[in-house]
Amino acid sequence: MASPPDRPDFVPEYNKPDAPGLHMQFDNTVSLYHIVGKEDDFETAAQDIFALLQEAQSEFPDWPRVFYLDIEGHVRDDGRLEEDMIELQQEFLIAAMGKFFTALALPLVSVVNPDDQINDLPDELVLQPPDAELPEDSAWPKE
């Protein structure tokens, strides 16, 4: 049965693993689960997530990936998440890294990638300040 034109061909089951790490699911998806700890900053969390993504691609090449995230601490006095953890989800995971996953289940929102998951990962994650010029020699993807 074909999917309606406004839906992806593959919609994964959302079965959040019980423990952080990689987990093969019954539907041949790979679940990646990461918990950002109270002591983790944006850069630590981003590097840890990227390392988990690389491990998933290495162990389960090109399998559909579903990413689950929990965040411990990082809550302001008004009960909302700190700005860097909102940025981690919106700008880093959804906007920049979302194409490497089939779906993302985040504290802010759960989304399904409407396009095919990209499996050609960069060799490393290089973070820089938000206002910095992008380096042409190490920009990815290469044209």
C-alpha atoms as a PDB file:
ATOM      1  CA  MET A   1       0.000   0.000   0.000  1.00  0.00           C
ATOM      2  CA  ALA A   2       1.463   3.333  -1.036  1.00  0.00           C
ATOM      3  CA  SER A   3       1.712   6.229   1.384  1.00  0.00           C
ATOM      4  CA  PRO A   4      -0.323   9.372   0.717  1.00  0.00           C
ATOM      5  CA  PRO A   5       1.740  11.973  -1.196  1.00  0.00           C
ATOM      6  CA  ASP A   6       2.141  14.203   1.860  1.00  0.00           C
ATOM      7  CA  ARG A   7       3.615  11.427   4.054  1.00  0.00           C
ATOM      8  CA  PRO A   8       6.982   9.660   3.895  1.00  0.00           C
ATOM      9  CA  ASP A   9       7.028   6.019   2.744  1.00  0.00           C
ATOM     10  CA  PHE A  10       8.358   4.943   6.128  1.00  0.00           C
ATOM     11  CA  VAL A  11       6.896   6.098   9.427  1.00  0.00           C
ATOM     12  CA  PRO A  12       8.746   4.482  12.361  1.00  0.00           C
ATOM     13  CA  GLU A  13       7.177   3.161  15.516  1.00  0.00           C
ATOM     14  CA  TYR A  14       8.011   5.362  18.481  1.00  0.00           C
ATOM     15  CA  ASN A  15       9.354   2.953  21.079  1.00  0.00           C
ATOM     16  CA  LYS A  16      11.731   4.884  23.275  1.00  0.00           C
ATOM     17  CA  PRO A  17      14.453   2.591  24.656  1.00  0.00           C
ATOM     18  CA  ASP A  18      14.785   2.049  28.381  1.00  0.00           C
ATOM     19  CA  ALA A  19      18.481   2.993  28.452  1.00  0.00           C
ATOM     20  CA  PRO A  20      20.756   5.387  26.542  1.00  0.00           C
ATOM     21  CA  GLY A  21      22.717   4.055  23.570  1.00  0.00           C
ATOM     22  CA  LEU A  22      21.920   2.180  20.364  1.00  0.00           C
ATOM     23  CA  HIS A  23      19.028  -0.247  20.117  1.00  0.00           C
ATOM     24  CA  MET A  24      17.866  -2.315  17.129  1.00  0.00           C
ATOM     25  CA  GLN A  25      14.065  -2.334  16.920  1.00  0.00           C
ATOM     26  CA  PHE A  26      11.689  -5.012  15.619  1.00  0.00           C
ATOM     27  CA  ASP A  27      10.895  -2.937  12.513  1.00  0.00           C
ATOM     28  CA  ASN A  28      14.579  -2.777  11.461  1.00  0.00           C
ATOM     29  CA  THR A  29      15.059   0.754  12.693  1.00  0.00           C
ATOM     30  CA  VAL A  30      17.874   1.765  14.982  1.00  0.00           C
ATOM     31  CA  SER A  31      16.937   3.818  18.015  1.00  0.00           C
ATOM     32  CA  LEU A  32      19.538   6.219  19.338  1.00  0.00           C
ATOM     33  CA  TYR A  33      18.822   7.451  22.852  1.00  0.00           C
ATOM     34  CA  HIS A  34      20.840  10.160  24.574  1.00  0.00           C
ATOM     35  CA  ILE A  35      20.381  11.932  27.882  1.00  0.00           C
ATOM     36  CA  VAL A  36      21.940  15.377  28.280  1.00  0.00           C
ATOM     37  CA  GLY A  37      23.169  15.475  31.873  1.00  0.00           C
ATOM     38  CA  LYS A  38      22.965  18.428  34.250  1.00  0.00           C
ATOM     39  CA  GLU A  39      26.701  19.033  33.864  1.00  0.00           C
ATOM     40  CA  ASP A  40      26.704  18.872  30.037  1.00  0.00           C
ATOM     41  CA  ASP A  41      26.921  22.074  28.020  1.00  0.00           C
ATOM     42  CA  PHE A  42      25.788  22.579  24.410  1.00  0.00           C
ATOM     43  CA  GLU A  43      29.124  21.541  22.889  1.00  0.00           C
ATOM     44  CA  THR A  44      29.435  18.394  25.017  1.00  0.00           C
ATOM     45  CA  ALA A  45      25.876  17.351  24.183  1.00  0.00           C
ATOM     46  CA  ALA A  46      26.350  18.033  20.456  1.00  0.00           C
ATOM     47  CA  GLN A  47      29.614  16.067  20.298  1.00  0.00           C
ATOM     48  CA  ASP A  48      28.101  13.149  22.262  1.00  0.00           C
ATOM     49  CA  ILE A  49      25.077  13.034  19.950  1.00  0.00           C
ATOM     50  CA  PHE A  50      27.279  13.182  16.853  1.00  0.00           C
ATOM     51  CA  ALA A  51      29.453  10.336  18.194  1.00  0.00           C
ATOM     52  CA  LEU A  52      26.330   8.238  18.782  1.00  0.00           C
ATOM     53  CA  LEU A  53      25.176   8.973  15.216  1.00  0.00           C
ATOM     54  CA  GLN A  54      28.562   7.889  13.833  1.00  0.00           C
ATOM     55  CA  GLU A  55      28.422   4.702  15.912  1.00  0.00           C
ATOM     56  CA  ALA A  56      24.920   3.937  14.602  1.00  0.00           C
ATOM     57  CA  GLN A  57      26.009   4.408  10.985  1.00  0.00           C
ATOM     58  CA  SER A  58      29.083   2.232  11.575  1.00  0.00           C
ATOM     59  CA  GLU A  59      27.216  -0.617  13.296  1.00  0.00           C
ATOM     60  CA  PHE A  60      23.998  -0.426  11.243  1.00  0.00           C
ATOM     61  CA  PRO A  61      24.959   1.172   7.896  1.00  0.00           C
ATOM     62  CA  ASP A  62      22.123   3.099   6.260  1.00  0.00           C
ATOM     63  CA  TRP A  63      19.389   1.691   8.531  1.00  0.00           C
ATOM     64  CA  PRO A  64      16.537   4.100   9.375  1.00  0.00           C
ATOM     65  CA  ARG A  65      17.497   5.976  12.548  1.00  0.00           C
ATOM     66  CA  VAL A  66      15.148   7.363  15.199  1.00  0.00           C
ATOM     67  CA  PHE A  67      16.727   9.684  17.757  1.00  0.00           C
ATOM     68  CA  TYR A  68      15.367  10.116  21.284  1.00  0.00           C
ATOM     69  CA  LEU A  69      16.559  12.857  23.614  1.00  0.00           C
ATOM     70  CA  ASP A  70      16.015  13.612  27.270  1.00  0.00           C
ATOM     71  CA  ILE A  71      17.478  16.585  29.115  1.00  0.00           C
ATOM     72  CA  GLU A  72      18.195  16.529  32.850  1.00  0.00           C
ATOM     73  CA  GLY A  73      18.436  19.840  34.659  1.00  0.00           C
ATOM     74  CA  HIS A  74      18.967  22.847  32.395  1.00  0.00           C
ATOM     75  CA  VAL A  75      15.687  24.355  33.606  1.00  0.00           C
ATOM     76  CA  ARG A  76      15.265  28.051  34.358  1.00  0.00           C
ATOM     77  CA  ASP A  77      13.460  29.410  37.418  1.00  0.00           C
ATOM     78  CA  ASP A  78      10.242  29.743  35.390  1.00  0.00           C
ATOM     79  CA  GLY A  79      10.317  26.014  34.547  1.00  0.00           C
ATOM     80  CA  ARG A  80      11.338  26.433  30.905  1.00  0.00           C
ATOM     81  CA  LEU A  81      14.453  24.924  29.357  1.00  0.00           C
ATOM     82  CA  GLU A  82      17.613  27.017  29.249  1.00  0.00           C
ATOM     83  CA  GLU A  83      18.276  28.739  25.927  1.00  0.00           C
ATOM     84  CA  ASP A  84      21.244  26.527  24.990  1.00  0.00           C
ATOM     85  CA  MET A  85      19.084  23.394  25.311  1.00  0.00           C
ATOM     86  CA  ILE A  86      16.368  24.946  23.145  1.00  0.00           C
ATOM     87  CA  GLU A  87      19.061  25.830  20.593  1.00  0.00           C
ATOM     88  CA  LEU A  88      20.417  22.264  20.789  1.00  0.00           C
ATOM     89  CA  GLN A  89      17.023  20.939  19.751  1.00  0.00           C
ATOM     90  CA  GLN A  90      15.901  23.570  17.244  1.00  0.00           C
ATOM     91  CA  GLU A  91      19.086  24.692  15.531  1.00  0.00           C
ATOM     92  CA  PHE A  92      21.408  21.725  15.974  1.00  0.00           C
ATOM     93  CA  LEU A  93      19.173  18.652  15.935  1.00  0.00           C
ATOM     94  CA  ILE A  94      16.249  19.690  13.757  1.00  0.00           C
ATOM     95  CA  ALA A  95      17.837  22.252  11.421  1.00  0.00           C
ATOM     96  CA  ALA A  96      21.382  20.887  11.048  1.00  0.00           C
ATOM     97  CA  MET A  97      21.332  17.189  11.964  1.00  0.00           C
ATOM     98  CA  GLY A  98      17.729  16.259  11.241  1.00  0.00           C
ATOM     99  CA  LYS A  99      18.556  15.088   7.721  1.00  0.00           C
ATOM    100  CA  PHE A 100      20.654  12.240   9.177  1.00  0.00           C
ATOM    101  CA  PHE A 101      17.635  10.754  10.974  1.00  0.00           C
ATOM    102  CA  THR A 102      14.298   9.310   9.929  1.00  0.00           C
ATOM    103  CA  ALA A 103      12.653  10.822  13.008  1.00  0.00           C
ATOM    104  CA  LEU A 104      13.483  12.816  16.134  1.00  0.00           C
ATOM    105  CA  ALA A 105      11.667  12.579  19.475  1.00  0.00           C
ATOM    106  CA  LEU A 106      12.772  15.615  21.474  1.00  0.00           C
ATOM    107  CA  PRO A 107      11.459  17.290  24.619  1.00  0.00           C
ATOM    108  CA  LEU A 108      10.228  20.233  22.481  1.00  0.00           C
ATOM    109  CA  VAL A 109       8.689  18.277  19.602  1.00  0.00           C
ATOM    110  CA  SER A 110       8.652  14.955  17.753  1.00  0.00           C
ATOM    111  CA  VAL A 111       9.164  15.141  13.992  1.00  0.00           C
ATOM    112  CA  VAL A 112       9.444  12.761  11.053  1.00  0.00           C
ATOM    113  CA  ASN A 113      11.921  13.663   8.313  1.00  0.00           C
ATOM    114  CA  PRO A 114       9.832  14.201   5.143  1.00  0.00           C
ATOM    115  CA  ASP A 115      12.871  13.379   2.983  1.00  0.00           C
ATOM    116  CA  ASP A 116      15.096  10.339   2.733  1.00  0.00           C
ATOM    117  CA  GLN A 117      17.558  10.021   5.598  1.00  0.00           C
ATOM    118  CA  ILE A 118      21.091  11.021   4.559  1.00  0.00           C
ATOM    119  CA  ASN A 119      23.721   8.416   5.393  1.00  0.00           C
ATOM    120  CA  ASP A 120      26.856  10.213   4.155  1.00  0.00           C
ATOM    121  CA  LEU A 121      28.059  11.599   7.491  1.00  0.00           C
ATOM    122  CA  PRO A 122      30.840  14.149   7.898  1.00  0.00           C
ATOM    123  CA  ASP A 123      34.040  12.818   9.470  1.00  0.00           C
ATOM    124  CA  GLU A 124      33.841  15.212  12.411  1.00  0.00           C
ATOM    125  CA  LEU A 125      31.608  17.798  13.988  1.00  0.00           C
ATOM    126  CA  VAL A 126      33.118  21.274  14.073  1.00  0.00           C
ATOM    127  CA  LEU A 127      31.196  23.812  16.123  1.00  0.00           C
ATOM    128  CA  GLN A 128      31.797  27.533  15.948  1.00  0.00           C
ATOM    129  CA  PRO A 129      30.178  30.667  17.361  1.00  0.00           C
ATOM    130  CA  PRO A 130      26.811  31.524  15.784  1.00  0.00           C
ATOM    131  CA  ASP A 131      28.033  34.753  14.151  1.00  0.00           C
ATOM    132  CA  ALA A 132      31.298  33.336  12.741  1.00  0.00           C
ATOM    133  CA  GLU A 133      31.915  33.068   9.008  1.00  0.00           C
ATOM    134  CA  LEU A 134      31.621  29.550   7.635  1.00  0.00           C
ATOM    135  CA  PRO A 135      35.000  28.069   6.679  1.00  0.00           C
ATOM    136  CA  GLU A 136      35.009  27.339   2.952  1.00  0.00           C
ATOM    137  CA  ASP A 137      37.778  24.730   3.098  1.00  0.00           C
ATOM    138  CA  SER A 138      36.028  22.501   5.641  1.00  0.00           C
ATOM    139  CA  ALA A 139      32.374  23.218   4.833  1.00  0.00           C
ATOM    140  CA  TRP A 140      30.147  20.215   4.323  1.00  0.00           C
ATOM    141  CA  PRO A 141      28.670  18.942   2.092  1.00  0.00           C
ATOM    142  CA  LYS A 142      31.257  19.482  -0.597  1.00  0.00           C
ATOM    143  CA  GLU A 143      29.834  20.672  -3.913  1.00  0.00           C
END
